[in-house]
Amino acid sequence: MMLKSANKVNNDDVCPECGSKHIIIDSGSGERICGECGLVMADNMINEGPEWRAFSQDERDSRSRVGMPLSFSVHDKGLSTMIGQVGKDAFGRTIPTKTMFQMLRLKKWHIRSSYQSSIDRNLSHAMTELSRLSDKLHIPKPVKERAAVIYRKALEKGLVRGRSISAIAAASLYAACRDTGTPRTLRELERVSTIDKKDLARCYRLLLRELSMSMPIPKAQYRVPKIAAKVNISENTQQTAVNILQRAEDMKTTAGKDPMGLAAAALYIACVMNDEKRTQKMIADAAGVTEVTIRNRYKGLKEALKLEL
């Protein structure tokens, strides 16, 4: 007898026809079937599974009714209990004034007790700052979670003591971006943060040294789409720029050079090759580098790859 793969075997029941314990539950048709003689013992079983479908882990987590998953970017990892709006009961009826004031006092003391220790207050401030920076820079959620883990490790080692919480949080976010290959620069973090670029770099080096972190070498290819989106460059030209950078990397001519400057110069070369009218100033403004940098990298790439433009 052919059955679906979603079926499951229940050995606790017994077939009344042949006495077999090999009972198969077909969740698709709602039938309980004997695996030996094929007797349909029940044909109207209740499906106790969810009424919704999910095709990814994020969608499954968002539709689950057992609460949010654990998150390191929340100061208490999402395990807190919140007292919501006070004024109505579970049936929507207005509660008495005396009871309402009691609930308001309970809510106030509950909030105070949740931030009783200095570590909780520190994490609350840091995670709020991480969320703000992530929203400003459009950081993906996995990168934000990685930054929260780095900050928690720094807090455990006492690296935050005597330093700015905002500076360590921003440095943790930059370290997470570097670790995951997300193209974000210190200059971009400085624009959305209240911390100077020099202080961010100092805190970032502190995290690398004290947490024994090793970062991958940043690749210029990852910067190409970001620059191209600002000056509206076609996909074909972007692919040409990526190919130029890959050839230059294979020839070991990109070592020690700023990835953003290399990506801008490769995009300018690709625009010249594909007859797209883009000036050096437009690409330099989009990349956040100077025109002199683009000209120097342009000459270097042209000579190394022997390009005929």
Protein backbone atom coordinates (compact mmCIF):
# COMPACT_ATOMS: atom_id res chain seq x y z
CA MET A 1 0.00 0.00 0.00
CA MET A 2 1.44 3.39 -1.07
CA LEU A 3 1.42 6.03 1.65
CA LYS A 4 2.75 9.56 1.82
CA SER A 5 6.09 10.33 3.45
CA ALA A 6 4.34 12.58 5.96
CA ASN A 7 2.72 9.54 7.62
CA LYS A 8 3.93 8.36 11.01
CA VAL A 9 3.83 5.05 12.81
CA ASN A 10 2.03 4.65 16.14
CA ASN A 11 2.89 1.42 17.99
CA ASP A 12 0.62 2.12 20.96
CA ASP A 13 -2.58 1.06 19.13
CA VAL A 14 -3.65 -2.46 18.05
CA CYS A 15 -5.50 -3.46 14.88
CA PRO A 16 -8.85 -5.17 15.77
CA GLU A 17 -8.70 -7.28 12.58
CA CYS A 18 -5.22 -8.89 12.69
CA GLY A 19 -3.87 -7.77 16.08
CA SER A 20 -0.91 -5.95 14.51
CA LYS A 21 0.65 -3.00 16.31
CA HIS A 22 2.00 -1.53 13.08
CA ILE A 23 -0.50 1.32 12.88
CA ILE A 24 0.09 4.18 10.41
CA ILE A 25 -1.42 7.64 10.88
CA ASP A 26 -1.97 9.47 7.56
CA SER A 27 -2.07 13.14 8.54
CA GLY A 28 -2.99 14.18 4.99
CA SER A 29 -6.26 12.24 4.77
CA GLY A 30 -6.93 12.00 8.53
CA GLU A 31 -6.96 8.19 8.53
CA ARG A 32 -5.51 5.61 10.94
CA ILE A 33 -4.52 2.52 8.95
CA CYS A 34 -3.14 -0.91 9.85
CA GLY A 35 0.24 -1.40 8.19
CA GLU A 36 -0.24 -5.18 7.90
CA CYS A 37 -3.78 -5.81 6.62
CA GLY A 38 -4.65 -2.29 5.40
CA LEU A 39 -7.74 -1.88 7.61
CA VAL A 40 -8.86 1.75 7.95
CA MET A 41 -9.50 2.05 11.67
CA ALA A 42 -10.53 5.73 11.63
CA ASP A 43 -11.14 8.18 8.80
CA ASN A 44 -12.03 11.43 10.54
CA MET A 45 -9.08 12.24 12.76
CA ILE A 46 -8.43 15.78 13.97
CA ASN A 47 -5.26 17.43 12.63
CA GLU A 48 -3.59 18.97 15.65
CA GLY A 49 -0.91 20.79 13.61
CA PRO A 50 -0.94 24.50 12.70
CA GLU A 51 -3.38 25.80 10.11
CA TRP A 52 -0.65 27.90 8.42
CA ARG A 53 2.31 27.01 6.21
CA ALA A 54 5.85 28.37 6.40
CA PHE A 55 8.59 28.11 3.79
CA SER A 56 11.54 29.58 5.74
CA GLN A 57 12.80 29.70 9.31
CA ASP A 58 12.08 33.42 9.65
CA GLU A 59 8.51 32.92 8.44
CA ARG A 60 8.07 29.98 10.82
CA ASP A 61 9.34 32.05 13.76
CA SER A 62 7.08 34.99 12.89
CA ARG A 63 3.95 32.79 12.76
CA SER A 64 4.68 30.72 15.84
CA ARG A 65 2.46 31.36 18.84
CA VAL A 66 5.02 30.50 21.50
CA GLY A 67 6.70 33.90 21.67
CA MET A 68 9.65 35.49 19.93
CA PRO A 69 12.91 33.51 19.55
CA LEU A 70 15.94 34.32 21.65
CA SER A 71 17.74 37.42 20.41
CA PHE A 72 21.13 38.69 21.59
CA SER A 73 20.24 42.18 20.33
CA VAL A 74 17.65 42.53 23.13
CA HIS A 75 19.14 43.28 26.55
CA ASP A 76 17.32 40.36 28.24
CA LYS A 77 17.40 38.15 25.10
CA GLY A 78 13.63 38.54 24.69
CA LEU A 79 12.68 36.63 27.86
CA SER A 80 11.16 39.57 29.74
CA THR A 81 7.57 39.98 30.85
CA MET A 82 5.88 43.23 29.85
CA ILE A 83 2.85 44.81 31.48
CA GLY A 84 0.99 46.48 28.64
CA GLN A 85 -1.57 49.24 28.46
CA VAL A 86 -3.50 49.56 31.71
CA GLY A 87 -7.20 50.58 31.60
CA LYS A 88 -9.20 47.59 30.34
CA ASP A 89 -9.41 43.96 31.37
CA ALA A 90 -9.13 40.86 29.15
CA PHE A 91 -12.75 41.28 27.98
CA GLY A 92 -12.30 44.93 27.01
CA ARG A 93 -14.24 46.26 29.97
CA THR A 94 -13.04 49.35 31.84
CA ILE A 95 -11.48 48.42 35.18
CA PRO A 96 -12.19 50.41 38.37
CA THR A 97 -10.03 53.46 39.05
CA LYS A 98 -8.54 51.99 42.23
CA THR A 99 -7.48 48.81 40.43
CA MET A 100 -6.08 50.84 37.55
CA PHE A 101 -3.81 52.84 39.87
CA GLN A 102 -2.65 49.60 41.50
CA MET A 103 -1.73 48.22 38.07
CA LEU A 104 0.10 51.41 37.15
CA ARG A 105 2.20 51.18 40.34
CA LEU A 106 2.87 47.51 39.60
CA LYS A 107 3.98 48.38 36.07
CA LYS A 108 6.29 51.12 37.36
CA TRP A 109 8.01 48.86 39.89
CA HIS A 110 8.23 46.05 37.36
CA ILE A 111 10.16 48.33 34.99
CA ARG A 112 12.44 49.49 37.82
CA SER A 113 13.20 45.93 38.91
CA SER A 114 14.00 44.87 35.34
CA TYR A 115 16.95 47.31 35.23
CA GLN A 116 18.14 46.83 38.78
CA SER A 117 21.75 45.80 38.05
CA SER A 118 24.32 47.95 36.28
CA ILE A 119 24.87 45.24 33.64
CA ASP A 120 21.18 45.30 32.68
CA ARG A 121 21.22 49.08 32.38
CA ASN A 122 24.43 48.93 30.34
CA LEU A 123 23.02 46.30 27.96
CA SER A 124 19.75 48.20 27.60
CA HIS A 125 21.60 51.37 26.54
CA ALA A 126 23.98 49.47 24.23
CA MET A 127 21.28 47.41 22.49
CA THR A 128 19.20 50.54 21.92
CA GLU A 129 22.21 52.22 20.32
CA LEU A 130 22.91 49.13 18.20
CA SER A 131 19.33 49.11 16.94
CA ARG A 132 19.50 52.80 16.06
CA LEU A 133 22.77 52.43 14.15
CA SER A 134 21.54 49.30 12.36
CA ASP A 135 18.39 51.08 11.21
CA LYS A 136 20.36 54.10 9.97
CA LEU A 137 22.86 51.97 8.02
CA HIS A 138 20.34 49.30 6.88
CA ILE A 139 22.29 46.51 8.57
CA PRO A 140 20.82 42.98 8.14
CA LYS A 141 19.49 41.26 11.26
CA PRO A 142 22.18 38.48 11.37
CA VAL A 143 24.92 41.14 11.34
CA LYS A 144 23.16 43.02 14.13
CA GLU A 145 22.98 39.81 16.17
CA ARG A 146 26.70 39.24 15.60
CA ALA A 147 27.44 42.79 16.81
CA ALA A 148 25.38 42.15 19.97
CA VAL A 149 27.38 38.99 20.70
CA ILE A 150 30.67 40.91 20.28
CA TYR A 151 29.46 43.64 22.65
CA ARG A 152 28.40 41.08 25.28
CA LYS A 153 31.86 39.48 25.12
CA ALA A 154 33.47 42.90 25.56
CA LEU A 155 31.22 43.59 28.54
CA GLU A 156 32.13 40.26 30.17
CA LYS A 157 35.86 41.06 29.82
CA GLY A 158 35.40 44.52 31.34
CA LEU A 159 36.34 46.44 28.20
CA VAL A 160 33.39 48.83 28.54
CA ARG A 161 34.41 50.03 32.00
CA GLY A 162 35.70 53.61 31.76
CA ARG A 163 34.77 53.90 28.07
CA SER A 164 31.78 55.19 26.18
CA ILE A 165 29.00 52.63 25.73
CA SER A 166 28.07 54.18 22.39
CA ALA A 167 31.68 53.94 21.16
CA ILE A 168 32.03 50.23 22.05
CA ALA A 169 28.60 49.49 20.54
CA ALA A 170 29.51 51.25 17.27
CA ALA A 171 32.90 49.49 17.19
CA SER A 172 31.14 46.14 17.74
CA LEU A 173 28.84 46.86 14.81
CA TYR A 174 31.79 47.75 12.58
CA ALA A 175 33.61 44.57 13.67
CA ALA A 176 30.50 42.51 12.82
CA CYS A 177 30.32 44.17 9.38
CA ARG A 178 34.00 43.41 8.74
CA ASP A 179 33.60 39.83 9.96
CA THR A 180 30.58 39.11 7.74
CA GLY A 181 31.81 41.03 4.69
CA THR A 182 29.09 43.70 4.90
CA PRO A 183 30.44 46.82 3.13
CA ARG A 184 30.21 49.57 5.76
CA THR A 185 33.02 52.03 6.50
CA LEU A 186 34.10 53.89 9.62
CA ARG A 187 33.21 57.16 7.88
CA GLU A 188 29.61 55.98 7.44
CA LEU A 189 29.43 54.96 11.10
CA GLU A 190 30.80 58.35 12.11
CA ARG A 191 28.02 60.13 10.18
CA VAL A 192 25.20 58.33 12.00
CA SER A 193 26.93 58.06 15.38
CA THR A 194 27.93 60.67 17.93
CA ILE A 195 31.46 59.25 18.17
CA ASP A 196 34.48 60.57 16.29
CA LYS A 197 36.10 58.34 13.68
CA LYS A 198 39.39 58.27 15.61
CA ASP A 199 37.66 57.03 18.78
CA LEU A 200 35.75 54.39 16.77
CA ALA A 201 39.00 53.10 15.27
CA ARG A 202 40.64 53.00 18.71
CA CYS A 203 37.76 50.98 20.20
CA TYR A 204 37.72 48.68 17.17
CA ARG A 205 41.44 47.91 17.60
CA LEU A 206 40.79 47.29 21.31
CA LEU A 207 38.13 44.69 20.48
CA LEU A 208 40.42 42.95 17.98
CA ARG A 209 43.26 42.80 20.49
CA GLU A 210 41.38 41.81 23.65
CA LEU A 211 38.89 39.39 22.04
CA SER A 212 41.54 37.80 19.77
CA MET A 213 39.47 38.44 16.65
CA SER A 214 40.90 38.01 13.16
CA MET A 215 39.17 39.81 10.33
CA PRO A 216 39.08 38.75 6.67
CA ILE A 217 40.73 41.03 4.14
CA PRO A 218 38.06 43.37 2.69
CA LYS A 219 37.40 42.85 -1.01
CA ALA A 220 36.83 45.72 -3.42
CA GLN A 221 34.29 43.69 -5.42
CA TYR A 222 31.76 43.99 -2.59
CA ARG A 223 31.89 47.80 -2.82
CA VAL A 224 30.95 47.94 -6.51
CA PRO A 225 27.12 47.58 -6.20
CA LYS A 226 26.99 50.17 -3.44
CA ILE A 227 28.77 52.83 -5.52
CA ALA A 228 26.94 51.87 -8.73
CA ALA A 229 23.52 52.25 -7.10
CA LYS A 230 24.24 55.90 -6.25
CA VAL A 231 25.18 56.90 -9.82
CA ASN A 232 22.75 54.55 -11.63
CA ILE A 233 25.25 52.29 -13.44
CA SER A 234 23.96 49.28 -15.40
CA GLU A 235 24.44 45.66 -14.33
CA ASN A 236 26.62 44.92 -17.36
CA THR A 237 29.06 47.68 -16.39
CA GLN A 238 29.09 46.52 -12.78
CA GLN A 239 30.02 43.00 -13.88
CA THR A 240 32.82 44.42 -16.02
CA ALA A 241 34.17 46.29 -13.00
CA VAL A 242 34.03 43.13 -10.86
CA ASN A 243 35.94 41.20 -13.54
CA ILE A 244 38.61 43.93 -13.63
CA LEU A 245 39.03 43.75 -9.85
CA GLN A 246 39.20 39.96 -9.88
CA ARG A 247 41.95 40.04 -12.52
CA ALA A 248 43.85 42.66 -10.52
CA GLU A 249 43.50 40.59 -7.33
CA ASP A 250 44.82 37.48 -9.12
CA MET A 251 47.86 39.50 -10.21
CA LYS A 252 48.47 40.66 -6.57
CA THR A 253 48.23 44.37 -7.49
CA THR A 254 45.47 45.31 -5.00
CA ALA A 255 47.36 44.59 -1.77
CA GLY A 256 47.56 47.53 0.65
CA LYS A 257 45.12 49.73 -1.28
CA ASP A 258 41.79 51.12 -0.14
CA PRO A 259 38.97 48.82 -1.39
CA MET A 260 36.62 51.77 -1.94
CA GLY A 261 39.16 53.59 -4.13
CA LEU A 262 39.84 50.45 -6.14
CA ALA A 263 36.12 49.81 -6.65
CA ALA A 264 35.56 53.42 -7.77
CA ALA A 265 38.47 53.27 -10.25
CA ALA A 266 37.29 49.92 -11.64
CA LEU A 267 33.78 51.32 -12.10
CA TYR A 268 35.17 54.35 -13.93
CA ILE A 269 37.20 52.07 -16.25
CA ALA A 270 34.11 49.91 -16.87
CA CYS A 271 32.05 53.02 -17.71
CA VAL A 272 34.69 54.10 -20.25
CA MET A 273 34.78 50.60 -21.79
CA ASN A 274 30.97 50.38 -22.05
CA ASP A 275 30.42 54.00 -23.17
CA GLU A 276 28.49 55.08 -20.08
CA LYS A 277 28.86 58.79 -19.41
CA ARG A 278 30.05 59.04 -15.80
CA THR A 279 32.63 61.55 -14.62
CA GLN A 280 35.35 60.93 -12.06
CA LYS A 281 33.74 63.49 -9.76
CA MET A 282 30.36 61.68 -9.81
CA ILE A 283 31.94 58.33 -8.93
CA ALA A 284 34.28 59.92 -6.36
CA ASP A 285 31.35 61.59 -4.55
CA ALA A 286 29.40 58.31 -4.55
CA ALA A 287 32.38 56.37 -3.17
CA GLY A 288 33.45 59.00 -0.64
CA VAL A 289 36.98 59.29 -2.06
CA THR A 290 38.82 62.05 -3.93
CA GLU A 291 39.24 62.37 -7.67
CA VAL A 292 43.02 62.12 -7.20
CA THR A 293 42.55 58.66 -5.66
CA ILE A 294 40.49 57.51 -8.63
CA ARG A 295 43.09 58.84 -11.09
CA ASN A 296 45.94 57.08 -9.26
CA ARG A 297 44.08 53.77 -9.04
CA TYR A 298 42.95 54.17 -12.65
CA LYS A 299 46.55 54.46 -13.83
CA GLY A 300 47.64 51.53 -11.68
CA LEU A 301 44.89 49.20 -12.94
CA LYS A 302 45.38 50.27 -16.54
CA GLU A 303 49.13 49.57 -16.46
CA ALA A 304 48.86 46.31 -14.49
CA LEU A 305 46.12 44.82 -16.70
CA LYS A 306 47.46 46.43 -19.94
CA LEU A 307 44.04 47.84 -20.79
CA GLU A 308 43.52 49.67 -24.07
CA LEU A 309 41.01 52.46 -23.44
